[in-house]
Amino acid sequence: MIVSKKTTVYCVITLSLLIGLFIYFYALADNIKIRLFDEEKDYAALVKLMNNDLFLLSESRDFIPEKVLMRKSPDYEKKDGLASFVVAEVDKQTAGFIAYYKKNFNQGYIWLLGVDKNFRRKGVGKKLLLHAIKDLQSQNISFITIAVRSSNNAALGLYKSVGFVEYINEKERQLIILRKVFD
């Protein structure tokens, strides 16, 4: 079989590009720092992120980013501080966040996950999600639940990539509930 020089050149260029992309994303993933929400450093960036992605984050008309960050609870009126708020930082910039909590004795719940549009598809969301899963597992939960808009294919792909499976599809609300079960 004879392989043309042109084909060989294309293969070498493609392989070089793939290696370059791998190195870039590997370096970026190492550059993502996960830390607790710091109101002074993160408040403005997270309010902006939440307002930009309001449709994806909540179907509730009562969802007010400032209130979310102040109360840290999906149950705004009853109990403050239910959720852990964790931030991803890249090059000293707030790149995204995740909010999660132990809903009851055996269930964890991923309440919110948002990544700034400038940092999407770079491993930020996955690193935040894996952090939350690990933390919730350490609290001896049996499963984690997450809700996502059925039109949010990027988020669905992310959740499925770490082991979440579709549990309920609420077509009339355009909402899919996913679950990750632990043995």
Protein backbone atom coordinates (compact mmCIF):
# COMPACT_ATOMS: atom_id res chain seq x y z
CA MET A 1 0.00 0.00 0.00
CA ILE A 2 1.39 3.34 -1.03
CA VAL A 3 0.67 6.36 1.14
CA SER A 4 1.07 9.72 -0.51
CA LYS A 5 3.32 12.39 0.95
CA LYS A 6 0.28 14.66 1.18
CA THR A 7 -1.59 12.13 3.36
CA THR A 8 1.45 11.69 5.58
CA VAL A 9 1.77 15.47 6.04
CA TYR A 10 -1.93 15.77 6.93
CA CYS A 11 -1.59 12.96 9.47
CA VAL A 12 1.46 14.57 11.08
CA ILE A 13 -0.26 17.97 11.24
CA THR A 14 -3.44 16.46 12.72
CA LEU A 15 -1.47 14.49 15.30
CA SER A 16 0.53 17.59 16.23
CA LEU A 17 -2.66 19.61 16.69
CA LEU A 18 -4.21 16.92 18.86
CA ILE A 19 -1.10 16.73 21.04
CA GLY A 20 -1.06 20.52 21.31
CA LEU A 21 -4.71 20.62 22.37
CA PHE A 22 -4.12 17.88 24.93
CA ILE A 23 -1.19 19.79 26.43
CA TYR A 24 -3.19 23.04 26.46
CA PHE A 25 -6.20 21.52 28.25
CA TYR A 26 -4.02 19.52 30.63
CA ALA A 27 -2.17 22.71 31.62
CA LEU A 28 -5.46 24.60 31.96
CA ALA A 29 -6.97 21.86 34.14
CA ASP A 30 -3.96 22.14 36.46
CA ASN A 31 -4.51 25.89 36.56
CA ILE A 32 -8.09 25.57 37.85
CA LYS A 33 -8.21 26.23 41.59
CA ILE A 34 -11.25 25.13 43.58
CA ARG A 35 -12.00 27.10 46.73
CA LEU A 36 -14.85 28.28 48.93
CA PHE A 37 -16.90 31.28 47.79
CA ASP A 38 -15.34 34.54 48.98
CA GLU A 39 -17.98 37.26 49.00
CA GLU A 40 -15.46 40.07 48.58
CA LYS A 41 -13.68 38.44 45.60
CA ASP A 42 -16.51 36.58 43.90
CA TYR A 43 -19.80 38.36 44.52
CA ALA A 44 -19.87 40.67 41.47
CA ALA A 45 -18.58 38.01 39.05
CA LEU A 46 -21.13 35.43 40.24
CA VAL A 47 -24.05 37.87 40.12
CA LYS A 48 -23.08 38.69 36.54
CA LEU A 49 -22.70 35.01 35.62
CA MET A 50 -26.06 34.13 37.19
CA ASN A 51 -27.85 37.01 35.47
CA ASN A 52 -26.36 36.00 32.10
CA ASP A 53 -27.52 32.40 32.53
CA LEU A 54 -30.71 32.92 34.52
CA PHE A 55 -32.79 30.79 32.15
CA LEU A 56 -30.41 27.84 32.53
CA LEU A 57 -29.98 28.16 36.28
CA SER A 58 -33.56 28.30 37.48
CA GLU A 59 -37.14 28.17 36.36
CA SER A 60 -38.22 29.99 39.52
CA ARG A 61 -39.40 33.58 39.15
CA ASP A 62 -38.09 34.16 42.68
CA PHE A 63 -34.50 33.37 41.68
CA ILE A 64 -32.52 36.49 42.50
CA PRO A 65 -28.73 36.05 42.32
CA GLU A 66 -28.05 38.51 45.13
CA LYS A 67 -30.47 36.64 47.40
CA VAL A 68 -28.97 33.29 46.40
CA LEU A 69 -25.47 34.43 47.36
CA MET A 70 -26.65 36.06 50.57
CA ARG A 71 -28.83 33.18 51.82
CA LYS A 72 -26.96 30.23 50.26
CA SER A 73 -30.14 28.23 50.37
CA PRO A 74 -32.70 27.07 47.81
CA ASP A 75 -35.25 27.39 50.60
CA TYR A 76 -34.82 31.17 50.81
CA GLU A 77 -37.31 31.91 53.52
CA LYS A 78 -36.70 29.11 55.98
CA LYS A 79 -33.05 28.23 56.42
CA ASP A 80 -29.84 30.04 55.51
CA GLY A 81 -26.59 28.32 54.74
CA LEU A 82 -27.87 24.94 53.52
CA ALA A 83 -25.65 24.89 50.47
CA SER A 84 -21.90 24.71 50.04
CA PHE A 85 -20.81 27.37 47.54
CA VAL A 86 -17.55 26.55 45.83
CA VAL A 87 -15.78 28.61 43.18
CA ALA A 88 -13.39 27.75 40.36
CA GLU A 89 -10.64 30.26 39.81
CA VAL A 90 -8.42 30.45 36.73
CA ASP A 91 -5.56 32.94 36.67
CA LYS A 92 -7.10 34.80 39.62
CA GLN A 93 -10.42 35.18 37.77
CA THR A 94 -13.68 33.71 39.03
CA ALA A 95 -14.45 31.16 36.30
CA GLY A 96 -17.49 29.38 37.72
CA PHE A 97 -19.22 28.01 40.78
CA ILE A 98 -21.20 25.10 42.12
CA ALA A 99 -23.75 25.04 44.94
CA TYR A 100 -24.75 21.72 46.50
CA TYR A 101 -26.07 20.32 49.75
CA LYS A 102 -27.10 17.20 51.61
CA LYS A 103 -30.86 17.20 51.10
CA ASN A 104 -31.62 14.46 53.62
CA PHE A 105 -29.83 11.58 55.34
CA ASN A 106 -28.99 9.76 52.08
CA GLN A 107 -29.47 12.25 49.23
CA GLY A 108 -27.14 14.91 47.92
CA TYR A 109 -28.38 17.60 45.57
CA ILE A 110 -26.47 19.70 43.05
CA TRP A 111 -28.45 22.92 43.20
CA LEU A 112 -26.56 25.23 40.83
CA LEU A 113 -23.62 24.96 38.48
CA GLY A 114 -22.47 27.84 36.33
CA VAL A 115 -19.35 28.52 34.30
CA ASP A 116 -18.48 31.89 32.80
CA LYS A 117 -18.81 31.74 29.00
CA ASN A 118 -15.10 32.57 28.61
CA PHE A 119 -14.12 29.41 30.52
CA ARG A 120 -16.57 26.87 29.11
CA ARG A 121 -15.40 23.62 27.51
CA LYS A 122 -12.09 23.85 29.37
CA GLY A 123 -12.71 21.46 32.26
CA VAL A 124 -13.95 24.03 34.79
CA GLY A 125 -17.47 22.60 35.12
CA LYS A 126 -16.19 19.05 35.38
CA LYS A 127 -13.69 19.93 38.07
CA LEU A 128 -16.40 21.72 40.09
CA LEU A 129 -18.79 18.80 39.65
CA LEU A 130 -16.20 16.22 40.72
CA HIS A 131 -15.40 18.32 43.79
CA ALA A 132 -19.08 18.40 44.81
CA ILE A 133 -19.50 14.66 44.20
CA LYS A 134 -16.46 13.86 46.35
CA ASP A 135 -17.63 16.17 49.14
CA LEU A 136 -21.17 14.76 49.12
CA GLN A 137 -19.84 11.19 49.08
CA SER A 138 -17.78 11.98 52.18
CA GLN A 139 -21.11 12.78 53.89
CA ASN A 140 -22.26 9.17 53.33
CA ILE A 141 -25.03 9.87 50.86
CA SER A 142 -26.45 7.07 48.67
CA PHE A 143 -27.21 9.17 45.59
CA ILE A 144 -26.97 12.66 44.13
CA THR A 145 -29.73 14.34 42.13
CA ILE A 146 -29.45 17.20 39.67
CA ALA A 147 -32.01 18.96 37.46
CA VAL A 148 -31.15 20.38 34.04
CA ARG A 149 -33.07 21.97 31.19
CA SER A 150 -33.65 19.43 28.43
CA SER A 151 -32.24 21.95 25.92
CA ASN A 152 -28.94 22.27 27.80
CA ASN A 153 -27.02 19.60 25.87
CA ALA A 154 -23.61 20.70 27.14
CA ALA A 155 -24.67 20.24 30.78
CA LEU A 156 -26.39 16.93 30.03
CA GLY A 157 -23.20 15.68 28.39
CA LEU A 158 -21.12 16.79 31.36
CA TYR A 159 -23.36 15.12 33.93
CA LYS A 160 -23.53 11.88 31.98
CA SER A 161 -19.75 11.88 31.54
CA VAL A 162 -19.32 11.54 35.32
CA GLY A 163 -21.94 8.84 35.77
CA PHE A 164 -25.28 10.61 36.12
CA VAL A 165 -28.19 8.88 34.37
CA GLU A 166 -31.61 10.20 33.41
CA TYR A 167 -34.09 9.48 36.18
CA ILE A 168 -37.14 11.60 35.28
CA ASN A 169 -37.96 13.54 32.12
CA GLU A 170 -40.51 16.26 32.81
CA LYS A 171 -41.27 17.15 29.21
CA GLU A 172 -43.94 19.74 30.01
CA ARG A 173 -41.43 21.68 32.15
CA GLN A 174 -38.52 20.91 29.77
CA LEU A 175 -36.59 19.55 32.72
CA ILE A 176 -34.57 16.37 33.13
CA ILE A 177 -33.73 14.99 36.55
CA LEU A 178 -30.52 13.00 36.65
CA ARG A 179 -29.24 10.78 39.40
CA LYS A 180 -25.88 9.28 40.35
CA VAL A 181 -26.15 6.29 42.67
CA PHE A 182 -23.35 5.00 44.90
CA ASP A 183 -22.99 1.42 46.12
